[in-house]
PDB file of all heavy atoms in Angstrom:
ATOM      1  N   PRO A   1     -22.951  13.356  27.173  1.00  0.00           N
ATOM      2  CA  PRO A   1     -21.556  13.337  26.692  1.00  0.00           C
ATOM      3  C   PRO A   1     -21.415  12.291  25.640  1.00  0.00           C
ATOM      4  O   PRO A   1     -22.129  11.250  25.643  1.00  0.00           O
ATOM      5  CB  PRO A   1     -20.730  13.014  27.937  1.00  0.00           C
ATOM      6  CG  PRO A   1     -21.670  12.452  28.919  1.00  0.00           C
ATOM      7  CD  PRO A   1     -23.058  12.971  28.612  1.00  0.00           C
ATOM      8  N   PRO A   2     -20.488  12.504  24.672  1.00  0.00           N
ATOM      9  CA  PRO A   2     -20.284  11.552  23.602  1.00  0.00           C
ATOM     10  C   PRO A   2     -19.694  10.213  24.078  1.00  0.00           C
ATOM     11  O   PRO A   2     -19.765   9.222  23.375  1.00  0.00           O
ATOM     12  CB  PRO A   2     -19.359  12.258  22.625  1.00  0.00           C
ATOM     13  CG  PRO A   2     -18.675  13.303  23.461  1.00  0.00           C
ATOM     14  CD  PRO A   2     -19.610  13.696  24.547  1.00  0.00           C
ATOM     15  N   MET A   3     -19.049  10.206  25.211  1.00  0.00           N
ATOM     16  CA  MET A   3     -18.428   8.995  25.754  1.00  0.00           C
ATOM     17  C   MET A   3     -18.693   8.871  27.221  1.00  0.00           C
ATOM     18  O   MET A   3     -18.871   9.895  27.902  1.00  0.00           O
ATOM     19  CB  MET A   3     -16.917   9.036  25.523  1.00  0.00           C
ATOM     20  CG  MET A   3     -16.451   8.814  24.144  1.00  0.00           C
ATOM     21  SD  MET A   3     -14.641   8.757  24.103  1.00  0.00           S
ATOM     22  CE  MET A   3     -14.356   9.978  22.882  1.00  0.00           C
ATOM     23  N   ASP A   4     -18.720   7.635  27.735  1.00  0.00           N
ATOM     24  CA  ASP A   4     -18.856   7.409  29.147  1.00  0.00           C
ATOM     25  C   ASP A   4     -17.524   7.673  29.842  1.00  0.00           C
ATOM     26  O   ASP A   4     -16.479   7.857  29.241  1.00  0.00           O
ATOM     27  CB  ASP A   4     -19.419   6.056  29.384  1.00  0.00           C
ATOM     28  CG  ASP A   4     -18.468   4.902  28.949  1.00  0.00           C
ATOM     29  OD1 ASP A   4     -17.327   5.184  28.656  1.00  0.00           O
ATOM     30  OD2 ASP A   4     -18.940   3.787  28.921  1.00  0.00           O
ATOM     31  N   THR A   5     -17.570   7.682  31.141  1.00  0.00           N
ATOM     32  CA  THR A   5     -16.429   7.970  31.996  1.00  0.00           C
ATOM     33  C   THR A   5     -15.279   6.985  31.736  1.00  0.00           C
ATOM     34  O   THR A   5     -14.095   7.376  31.677  1.00  0.00           O
ATOM     35  CB  THR A   5     -16.790   7.985  33.460  1.00  0.00           C
ATOM     36  OG1 THR A   5     -17.895   8.879  33.670  1.00  0.00           O
ATOM     37  CG2 THR A   5     -15.639   8.412  34.350  1.00  0.00           C
ATOM     38  N   ALA A   6     -15.605   5.705  31.609  1.00  0.00           N
ATOM     39  CA  ALA A   6     -14.548   4.706  31.387  1.00  0.00           C
ATOM     40  C   ALA A   6     -13.844   4.929  30.042  1.00  0.00           C
ATOM     41  O   ALA A   6     -12.600   4.786  29.988  1.00  0.00           O
ATOM     42  CB  ALA A   6     -15.194   3.271  31.415  1.00  0.00           C
ATOM     43  N   SER A   7     -14.530   5.261  29.031  1.00  0.00           N
ATOM     44  CA  SER A   7     -13.948   5.560  27.737  1.00  0.00           C
ATOM     45  C   SER A   7     -13.038   6.822  27.759  1.00  0.00           C
ATOM     46  O   SER A   7     -11.931   6.798  27.225  1.00  0.00           O
ATOM     47  CB  SER A   7     -15.003   5.781  26.618  1.00  0.00           C
ATOM     48  OG  SER A   7     -15.768   4.590  26.462  1.00  0.00           O
ATOM     49  N   LEU A   8     -13.509   7.827  28.453  1.00  0.00           N
ATOM     50  CA  LEU A   8     -12.665   9.026  28.600  1.00  0.00           C
ATOM     51  C   LEU A   8     -11.408   8.753  29.410  1.00  0.00           C
ATOM     52  O   LEU A   8     -10.338   9.215  29.060  1.00  0.00           O
ATOM     53  CB  LEU A   8     -13.476  10.136  29.283  1.00  0.00           C
ATOM     54  CG  LEU A   8     -14.595  10.771  28.401  1.00  0.00           C
ATOM     55  CD1 LEU A   8     -15.449  11.719  29.239  1.00  0.00           C
ATOM     56  CD2 LEU A   8     -14.027  11.515  27.219  1.00  0.00           C
ATOM     57  N   ALA A   9     -11.523   7.931  30.422  1.00  0.00           N
ATOM     58  CA  ALA A   9     -10.332   7.557  31.210  1.00  0.00           C
ATOM     59  C   ALA A   9      -9.368   6.729  30.399  1.00  0.00           C
ATOM     60  O   ALA A   9      -8.143   6.921  30.505  1.00  0.00           O
ATOM     61  CB  ALA A   9     -10.802   6.781  32.464  1.00  0.00           C
ATOM     62  N   ARG A  10      -9.878   5.889  29.538  1.00  0.00           N
ATOM     63  CA  ARG A  10      -8.970   5.049  28.702  1.00  0.00           C
ATOM     64  C   ARG A  10      -8.250   5.966  27.694  1.00  0.00           C
ATOM     65  O   ARG A  10      -7.046   5.826  27.532  1.00  0.00           O
ATOM     66  CB  ARG A  10      -9.816   4.009  27.926  1.00  0.00           C
ATOM     67  CG  ARG A  10      -9.005   3.044  27.099  1.00  0.00           C
ATOM     68  CD  ARG A  10      -9.898   2.030  26.349  1.00  0.00           C
ATOM     69  NE  ARG A  10     -10.832   2.646  25.490  1.00  0.00           N
ATOM     70  CZ  ARG A  10     -10.614   3.146  24.288  1.00  0.00           C
ATOM     71  NH1 ARG A  10      -9.404   3.141  23.770  1.00  0.00           N
ATOM     72  NH2 ARG A  10     -11.577   3.714  23.551  1.00  0.00           N
ATOM     73  N   ILE A  11      -8.914   6.948  27.161  1.00  0.00           N
ATOM     74  CA  ILE A  11      -8.279   7.821  26.174  1.00  0.00           C
ATOM     75  C   ILE A  11      -7.269   8.703  26.922  1.00  0.00           C
ATOM     76  O   ILE A  11      -6.163   8.956  26.403  1.00  0.00           O
ATOM     77  CB  ILE A  11      -9.332   8.679  25.444  1.00  0.00           C
ATOM     78  CG1 ILE A  11     -10.107   7.830  24.477  1.00  0.00           C
ATOM     79  CG2 ILE A  11      -8.731   9.858  24.746  1.00  0.00           C
ATOM     80  CD1 ILE A  11     -11.318   8.447  23.837  1.00  0.00           C
ATOM     81  N   ALA A  12      -7.562   9.193  28.074  1.00  0.00           N
ATOM     82  CA  ALA A  12      -6.606  10.001  28.857  1.00  0.00           C
ATOM     83  C   ALA A  12      -5.366   9.170  29.174  1.00  0.00           C
ATOM     84  O   ALA A  12      -4.286   9.690  29.082  1.00  0.00           O
ATOM     85  CB  ALA A  12      -7.273  10.481  30.172  1.00  0.00           C
ATOM     86  N   CYS A  13      -5.532   7.909  29.499  1.00  0.00           N
ATOM     87  CA  CYS A  13      -4.381   7.042  29.756  1.00  0.00           C
ATOM     88  C   CYS A  13      -3.514   6.879  28.545  1.00  0.00           C
ATOM     89  O   CYS A  13      -2.318   6.941  28.576  1.00  0.00           O
ATOM     90  CB  CYS A  13      -4.850   5.685  30.253  1.00  0.00           C
ATOM     91  SG  CYS A  13      -3.528   4.576  30.720  1.00  0.00           S
ATOM     92  N   LEU A  14      -4.166   6.652  27.383  1.00  0.00           N
ATOM     93  CA  LEU A  14      -3.473   6.540  26.110  1.00  0.00           C
ATOM     94  C   LEU A  14      -2.689   7.815  25.767  1.00  0.00           C
ATOM     95  O   LEU A  14      -1.567   7.739  25.294  1.00  0.00           O
ATOM     96  CB  LEU A  14      -4.406   6.169  24.970  1.00  0.00           C
ATOM     97  CG  LEU A  14      -5.023   4.747  25.031  1.00  0.00           C
ATOM     98  CD1 LEU A  14      -6.127   4.632  23.960  1.00  0.00           C
ATOM     99  CD2 LEU A  14      -3.945   3.679  24.848  1.00  0.00           C
ATOM    100  N   LEU A  15      -3.311   8.927  25.980  1.00  0.00           N
ATOM    101  CA  LEU A  15      -2.644  10.220  25.694  1.00  0.00           C
ATOM    102  C   LEU A  15      -1.445  10.457  26.632  1.00  0.00           C
ATOM    103  O   LEU A  15      -0.421  10.988  26.168  1.00  0.00           O
ATOM    104  CB  LEU A  15      -3.629  11.375  25.845  1.00  0.00           C
ATOM    105  CG  LEU A  15      -4.658  11.485  24.734  1.00  0.00           C
ATOM    106  CD1 LEU A  15      -5.693  12.571  25.081  1.00  0.00           C
ATOM    107  CD2 LEU A  15      -3.991  11.752  23.400  1.00  0.00           C
ATOM    108  N   ARG A  16      -1.537  10.045  27.889  1.00  0.00           N
ATOM    109  CA  ARG A  16      -0.374  10.146  28.760  1.00  0.00           C
ATOM    110  C   ARG A  16       0.769   9.320  28.271  1.00  0.00           C
ATOM    111  O   ARG A  16       1.957   9.610  28.538  1.00  0.00           O
ATOM    112  CB  ARG A  16      -0.815   9.777  30.174  1.00  0.00           C
ATOM    113  CG  ARG A  16      -1.465  10.854  30.936  1.00  0.00           C
ATOM    114  CD  ARG A  16      -1.656  10.512  32.410  1.00  0.00           C
ATOM    115  NE  ARG A  16      -2.548   9.478  32.648  1.00  0.00           N
ATOM    116  CZ  ARG A  16      -3.823   9.609  32.845  1.00  0.00           C
ATOM    117  NH1 ARG A  16      -4.380  10.755  32.790  1.00  0.00           N
ATOM    118  NH2 ARG A  16      -4.569   8.555  33.073  1.00  0.00           N
ATOM    119  N   ASP A  17       0.514   8.198  27.622  1.00  0.00           N
ATOM    120  CA  ASP A  17       1.551   7.268  27.179  1.00  0.00           C
ATOM    121  C   ASP A  17       2.173   7.667  25.833  1.00  0.00           C
ATOM    122  O   ASP A  17       3.096   6.988  25.392  1.00  0.00           O
ATOM    123  CB  ASP A  17       0.981   5.839  27.087  1.00  0.00           C
ATOM    124  CG  ASP A  17       0.667   5.268  28.451  1.00  0.00           C
ATOM    125  OD1 ASP A  17       1.209   5.797  29.471  1.00  0.00           O
ATOM    126  OD2 ASP A  17      -0.111   4.294  28.547  1.00  0.00           O
ATOM    127  N   VAL A  18       1.628   8.703  25.186  1.00  0.00           N
ATOM    128  CA  VAL A  18       2.092   9.090  23.886  1.00  0.00           C
ATOM    129  C   VAL A  18       3.528   9.720  24.010  1.00  0.00           C
ATOM    130  O   VAL A  18       3.746  10.586  24.857  1.00  0.00           O
ATOM    131  CB  VAL A  18       1.174  10.076  23.194  1.00  0.00           C
ATOM    132  CG1 VAL A  18       1.811  10.723  21.967  1.00  0.00           C
ATOM    133  CG2 VAL A  18      -0.136   9.436  22.786  1.00  0.00           C
ATOM    134  N   LYS A  19       4.433   9.230  23.257  1.00  0.00           N
ATOM    135  CA  LYS A  19       5.792   9.716  23.274  1.00  0.00           C
ATOM    136  C   LYS A  19       5.856  11.061  22.585  1.00  0.00           C
ATOM    137  O   LYS A  19       5.395  11.255  21.461  1.00  0.00           O
ATOM    138  CB  LYS A  19       6.665   8.713  22.474  1.00  0.00           C
ATOM    139  CG  LYS A  19       8.120   8.969  22.537  1.00  0.00           C
ATOM    140  CD  LYS A  19       8.844   7.851  21.777  1.00  0.00           C
ATOM    141  CE  LYS A  19      10.297   7.797  22.066  1.00  0.00           C
ATOM    142  NZ  LYS A  19      10.970   6.675  21.377  1.00  0.00           N
ATOM    143  N   PRO A  20       6.414  12.063  23.306  1.00  0.00           N
ATOM    144  CA  PRO A  20       6.490  13.379  22.702  1.00  0.00           C
ATOM    145  C   PRO A  20       7.486  13.438  21.537  1.00  0.00           C
ATOM    146  O   PRO A  20       8.435  12.587  21.472  1.00  0.00           O
ATOM    147  CB  PRO A  20       7.000  14.314  23.832  1.00  0.00           C
ATOM    148  CG  PRO A  20       7.530  13.420  24.890  1.00  0.00           C
ATOM    149  CD  PRO A  20       6.923  12.067  24.660  1.00  0.00           C
ATOM    150  N   LEU A  21       7.243  14.309  20.584  1.00  0.00           N
ATOM    151  CA  LEU A  21       8.134  14.387  19.442  1.00  0.00           C
ATOM    152  C   LEU A  21       9.564  14.669  19.820  1.00  0.00           C
ATOM    153  O   LEU A  21      10.512  14.217  19.134  1.00  0.00           O
ATOM    154  CB  LEU A  21       7.621  15.482  18.451  1.00  0.00           C
ATOM    155  CG  LEU A  21       6.265  15.184  17.834  1.00  0.00           C
ATOM    156  CD1 LEU A  21       5.838  16.337  16.960  1.00  0.00           C
ATOM    157  CD2 LEU A  21       6.285  13.893  17.032  1.00  0.00           C
ATOM    158  N   GLU A  22       9.815  15.403  20.936  1.00  0.00           N
ATOM    159  CA  GLU A  22      11.142  15.677  21.360  1.00  0.00           C
ATOM    160  C   GLU A  22      11.862  14.342  21.703  1.00  0.00           C
ATOM    161  O   GLU A  22      13.069  14.271  21.519  1.00  0.00           O
ATOM    162  CB  GLU A  22      11.143  16.606  22.569  1.00  0.00           C
ATOM    163  CG  GLU A  22      10.707  18.044  22.256  1.00  0.00           C
ATOM    164  CD  GLU A  22       9.174  18.180  22.166  1.00  0.00           C
ATOM    165  OE1 GLU A  22       8.439  17.247  22.506  1.00  0.00           O
ATOM    166  OE2 GLU A  22       8.753  19.312  21.818  1.00  0.00           O
ATOM    167  N   ALA A  23      11.138  13.372  22.220  1.00  0.00           N
ATOM    168  CA  ALA A  23      11.765  12.083  22.547  1.00  0.00           C
ATOM    169  C   ALA A  23      12.135  11.350  21.287  1.00  0.00           C
ATOM    170  O   ALA A  23      13.144  10.615  21.259  1.00  0.00           O
ATOM    171  CB  ALA A  23      10.814  11.266  23.423  1.00  0.00           C
ATOM    172  N   ILE A  24      11.453  11.558  20.215  1.00  0.00           N
ATOM    173  CA  ILE A  24      11.788  10.938  18.925  1.00  0.00           C
ATOM    174  C   ILE A  24      13.060  11.585  18.420  1.00  0.00           C
ATOM    175  O   ILE A  24      13.985  10.876  17.951  1.00  0.00           O
ATOM    176  CB  ILE A  24      10.654  11.142  17.928  1.00  0.00           C
ATOM    177  CG1 ILE A  24       9.430  10.279  18.342  1.00  0.00           C
ATOM    178  CG2 ILE A  24      11.113  10.734  16.504  1.00  0.00           C
ATOM    179  CD1 ILE A  24       8.220  10.508  17.436  1.00  0.00           C
ATOM    180  N   VAL A  25      13.213  12.881  18.596  1.00  0.00           N
ATOM    181  CA  VAL A  25      14.468  13.584  18.266  1.00  0.00           C
ATOM    182  C   VAL A  25      15.645  13.019  19.046  1.00  0.00           C
ATOM    183  O   VAL A  25      16.747  12.830  18.544  1.00  0.00           O
ATOM    184  CB  VAL A  25      14.316  15.097  18.437  1.00  0.00           C
ATOM    185  CG1 VAL A  25      15.658  15.813  18.240  1.00  0.00           C
ATOM    186  CG2 VAL A  25      13.304  15.623  17.444  1.00  0.00           C
ATOM    187  N   ASP A  26      15.397  12.699  20.334  1.00  0.00           N
ATOM    188  CA  ASP A  26      16.432  12.137  21.178  1.00  0.00           C
ATOM    189  C   ASP A  26      16.842  10.758  20.657  1.00  0.00           C
ATOM    190  O   ASP A  26      18.031  10.401  20.651  1.00  0.00           O
ATOM    191  CB  ASP A  26      15.922  11.957  22.643  1.00  0.00           C
ATOM    192  CG  ASP A  26      15.773  13.360  23.363  1.00  0.00           C
ATOM    193  OD1 ASP A  26      16.347  14.315  22.825  1.00  0.00           O
ATOM    194  OD2 ASP A  26      15.097  13.380  24.400  1.00  0.00           O
ATOM    195  N   ASP A  27      15.869   9.955  20.183  1.00  0.00           N
ATOM    196  CA  ASP A  27      16.172   8.642  19.638  1.00  0.00           C
ATOM    197  C   ASP A  27      17.098   8.798  18.411  1.00  0.00           C
ATOM    198  O   ASP A  27      18.057   8.036  18.199  1.00  0.00           O
ATOM    199  CB  ASP A  27      14.918   7.896  19.236  1.00  0.00           C
ATOM    200  CG  ASP A  27      14.136   7.385  20.438  1.00  0.00           C
ATOM    201  OD1 ASP A  27      14.667   7.383  21.567  1.00  0.00           O
ATOM    202  OD2 ASP A  27      12.956   7.076  20.249  1.00  0.00           O
ATOM    203  N   VAL A  28      16.762   9.778  17.549  1.00  0.00           N
ATOM    204  CA  VAL A  28      17.566  10.057  16.382  1.00  0.00           C
ATOM    205  C   VAL A  28      18.981  10.438  16.798  1.00  0.00           C
ATOM    206  O   VAL A  28      20.007   9.980  16.242  1.00  0.00           O
ATOM    207  CB  VAL A  28      16.933  11.191  15.512  1.00  0.00           C
ATOM    208  CG1 VAL A  28      17.845  11.645  14.448  1.00  0.00           C
ATOM    209  CG2 VAL A  28      15.613  10.635  14.871  1.00  0.00           C
ATOM    210  N   GLY A  29      19.063  11.313  17.812  1.00  0.00           N
ATOM    211  CA  GLY A  29      20.347  11.755  18.311  1.00  0.00           C
ATOM    212  C   GLY A  29      21.226  10.616  18.888  1.00  0.00           C
ATOM    213  O   GLY A  29      22.449  10.665  18.778  1.00  0.00           O
ATOM    214  N   ASP A  30      20.552   9.620  19.468  1.00  0.00           N
ATOM    215  CA  ASP A  30      21.296   8.450  19.991  1.00  0.00           C
ATOM    216  C   ASP A  30      22.040   7.736  18.877  1.00  0.00           C
ATOM    217  O   ASP A  30      23.059   7.130  19.170  1.00  0.00           O
ATOM    218  CB  ASP A  30      20.291   7.490  20.678  1.00  0.00           C
ATOM    219  CG  ASP A  30      19.797   7.995  22.000  1.00  0.00           C
ATOM    220  OD1 ASP A  30      20.322   9.032  22.530  1.00  0.00           O
ATOM    221  OD2 ASP A  30      18.771   7.451  22.509  1.00  0.00           O
ATOM    222  N   VAL A  31      21.520   7.803  17.677  1.00  0.00           N
ATOM    223  CA  VAL A  31      22.121   7.059  16.563  1.00  0.00           C
ATOM    224  C   VAL A  31      23.054   7.946  15.737  1.00  0.00           C
ATOM    225  O   VAL A  31      24.138   7.555  15.360  1.00  0.00           O
ATOM    226  CB  VAL A  31      21.061   6.448  15.649  1.00  0.00           C
ATOM    227  CG1 VAL A  31      21.679   5.756  14.438  1.00  0.00           C
ATOM    228  CG2 VAL A  31      20.230   5.444  16.421  1.00  0.00           C
ATOM    229  N   LEU A  32      22.588   9.183  15.494  1.00  0.00           N
ATOM    230  CA  LEU A  32      23.326  10.080  14.635  1.00  0.00           C
ATOM    231  C   LEU A  32      24.277  11.026  15.355  1.00  0.00           C
ATOM    232  O   LEU A  32      24.917  11.852  14.686  1.00  0.00           O
ATOM    233  CB  LEU A  32      22.349  10.931  13.748  1.00  0.00           C
ATOM    234  CG  LEU A  32      21.431  10.103  12.829  1.00  0.00           C
ATOM    235  CD1 LEU A  32      20.528  11.066  12.040  1.00  0.00           C
ATOM    236  CD2 LEU A  32      22.242   9.207  11.866  1.00  0.00           C
ATOM    237  N   GLY A  33      24.376  10.883  16.628  1.00  0.00           N
ATOM    238  CA  GLY A  33      25.278  11.750  17.404  1.00  0.00           C
ATOM    239  C   GLY A  33      26.751  11.411  17.122  1.00  0.00           C
ATOM    240  O   GLY A  33      27.069  10.581  16.305  1.00  0.00           O
ATOM    241  N   GLU A  34      27.606  12.113  17.833  1.00  0.00           N
ATOM    242  CA  GLU A  34      29.028  11.949  17.630  1.00  0.00           C
ATOM    243  C   GLU A  34      29.516  10.583  17.994  1.00  0.00           C
ATOM    244  O   GLU A  34      30.552  10.102  17.428  1.00  0.00           O
ATOM    245  CB  GLU A  34      29.766  13.044  18.430  1.00  0.00           C
ATOM    246  CG  GLU A  34      29.558  14.418  17.841  1.00  0.00           C
ATOM    247  CD  GLU A  34      30.308  15.480  18.617  1.00  0.00           C
ATOM    248  OE1 GLU A  34      31.311  15.128  19.276  1.00  0.00           O
ATOM    249  OE2 GLU A  34      29.900  16.629  18.582  1.00  0.00           O
ATOM    250  N   GLN A  35      28.918   9.958  18.992  1.00  0.00           N
ATOM    251  CA  GLN A  35      29.367   8.650  19.410  1.00  0.00           C
ATOM    252  C   GLN A  35      28.363   7.570  19.020  1.00  0.00           C
ATOM    253  O   GLN A  35      27.188   7.752  19.237  1.00  0.00           O
ATOM    254  CB  GLN A  35      29.489   8.644  20.935  1.00  0.00           C
ATOM    255  CG  GLN A  35      30.092   7.410  21.514  1.00  0.00           C
ATOM    256  CD  GLN A  35      30.403   7.532  23.034  1.00  0.00           C
ATOM    257  OE1 GLN A  35      30.431   8.646  23.518  1.00  0.00           O
ATOM    258  NE2 GLN A  35      30.570   6.424  23.663  1.00  0.00           N
ATOM    259  N   ASN A  36      28.875   6.493  18.433  1.00  0.00           N
ATOM    260  CA  ASN A  36      28.020   5.383  18.066  1.00  0.00           C
ATOM    261  C   ASN A  36      27.423   4.699  19.287  1.00  0.00           C
ATOM    262  O   ASN A  36      28.089   4.635  20.341  1.00  0.00           O
ATOM    263  CB  ASN A  36      28.776   4.304  17.292  1.00  0.00           C
ATOM    264  CG  ASN A  36      29.224   4.806  15.909  1.00  0.00           C
ATOM    265  OD1 ASN A  36      28.613   5.728  15.350  1.00  0.00           O
ATOM    266  ND2 ASN A  36      30.239   4.167  15.360  1.00  0.00           N
ATOM    267  N   PRO A  37      26.160   4.231  19.191  1.00  0.00           N
ATOM    268  CA  PRO A  37      25.585   3.498  20.270  1.00  0.00           C
ATOM    269  C   PRO A  37      26.336   2.148  20.491  1.00  0.00           C
ATOM    270  O   PRO A  37      26.945   1.621  19.528  1.00  0.00           O
ATOM    271  CB  PRO A  37      24.141   3.233  19.853  1.00  0.00           C
ATOM    272  CG  PRO A  37      24.121   3.451  18.383  1.00  0.00           C
ATOM    273  CD  PRO A  37      25.243   4.328  18.008  1.00  0.00           C
ATOM    274  N   ARG A  38      26.229   1.639  21.677  1.00  0.00           N
ATOM    275  CA  ARG A  38      26.898   0.314  21.946  1.00  0.00           C
ATOM    276  C   ARG A  38      26.119  -0.753  21.184  1.00  0.00           C
ATOM    277  O   ARG A  38      24.901  -0.729  21.036  1.00  0.00           O
ATOM    278  CB  ARG A  38      26.871   0.002  23.433  1.00  0.00           C
ATOM    279  CG  ARG A  38      27.792   0.895  24.246  1.00  0.00           C
ATOM    280  CD  ARG A  38      27.795   0.433  25.682  1.00  0.00           C
ATOM    281  NE  ARG A  38      26.450   0.603  26.230  1.00  0.00           N
ATOM    282  CZ  ARG A  38      26.207   1.289  27.272  1.00  0.00           C
ATOM    283  NH1 ARG A  38      27.165   1.860  27.927  1.00  0.00           N
ATOM    284  NH2 ARG A  38      24.958   1.419  27.751  1.00  0.00           N
ATOM    285  N   GLU A  39      26.829  -1.742  20.746  1.00  0.00           N
ATOM    286  CA  GLU A  39      26.225  -2.818  19.951  1.00  0.00           C
ATOM    287  C   GLU A  39      25.116  -3.553  20.768  1.00  0.00           C
ATOM    288  O   GLU A  39      24.137  -3.996  20.224  1.00  0.00           O
ATOM    289  CB  GLU A  39      27.285  -3.829  19.547  1.00  0.00           C
ATOM    290  CG  GLU A  39      26.814  -4.845  18.536  1.00  0.00           C
ATOM    291  CD  GLU A  39      27.929  -5.753  18.035  1.00  0.00           C
ATOM    292  OE1 GLU A  39      29.108  -5.340  18.098  1.00  0.00           O
ATOM    293  OE2 GLU A  39      27.581  -6.829  17.512  1.00  0.00           O
ATOM    294  N   SER A  40      25.324  -3.632  22.083  1.00  0.00           N
ATOM    295  CA  SER A  40      24.325  -4.265  22.968  1.00  0.00           C
ATOM    296  C   SER A  40      23.015  -3.500  22.976  1.00  0.00           C
ATOM    297  O   SER A  40      22.014  -4.080  23.400  1.00  0.00           O
ATOM    298  CB  SER A  40      24.883  -4.398  24.386  1.00  0.00           C
ATOM    299  OG  SER A  40      25.156  -3.123  24.915  1.00  0.00           O
ATOM    300  N   GLU A  41      23.001  -2.241  22.538  1.00  0.00           N
ATOM    301  CA  GLU A  41      21.779  -1.431  22.561  1.00  0.00           C
ATOM    302  C   GLU A  41      21.081  -1.426  21.194  1.00  0.00           C
ATOM    303  O   GLU A  41      19.998  -0.870  21.060  1.00  0.00           O
ATOM    304  CB  GLU A  41      22.116  -0.022  22.916  1.00  0.00           C
ATOM    305  CG  GLU A  41      22.712   0.138  24.275  1.00  0.00           C
ATOM    306  CD  GLU A  41      23.199   1.599  24.554  1.00  0.00           C
ATOM    307  OE1 GLU A  41      23.499   2.297  23.602  1.00  0.00           O
ATOM    308  OE2 GLU A  41      23.201   1.965  25.719  1.00  0.00           O
TER     309      GLU A  41
END
């Protein structure tokens, strides 16, 4: 195999932590939605 088990596990962990594009759209909606975000946020 091109990588050992530890390297593959590290990559799998990184992939699980990747934010889906839909979540980016949600972030945009938090700002551009009808209601302004709270200043504390």
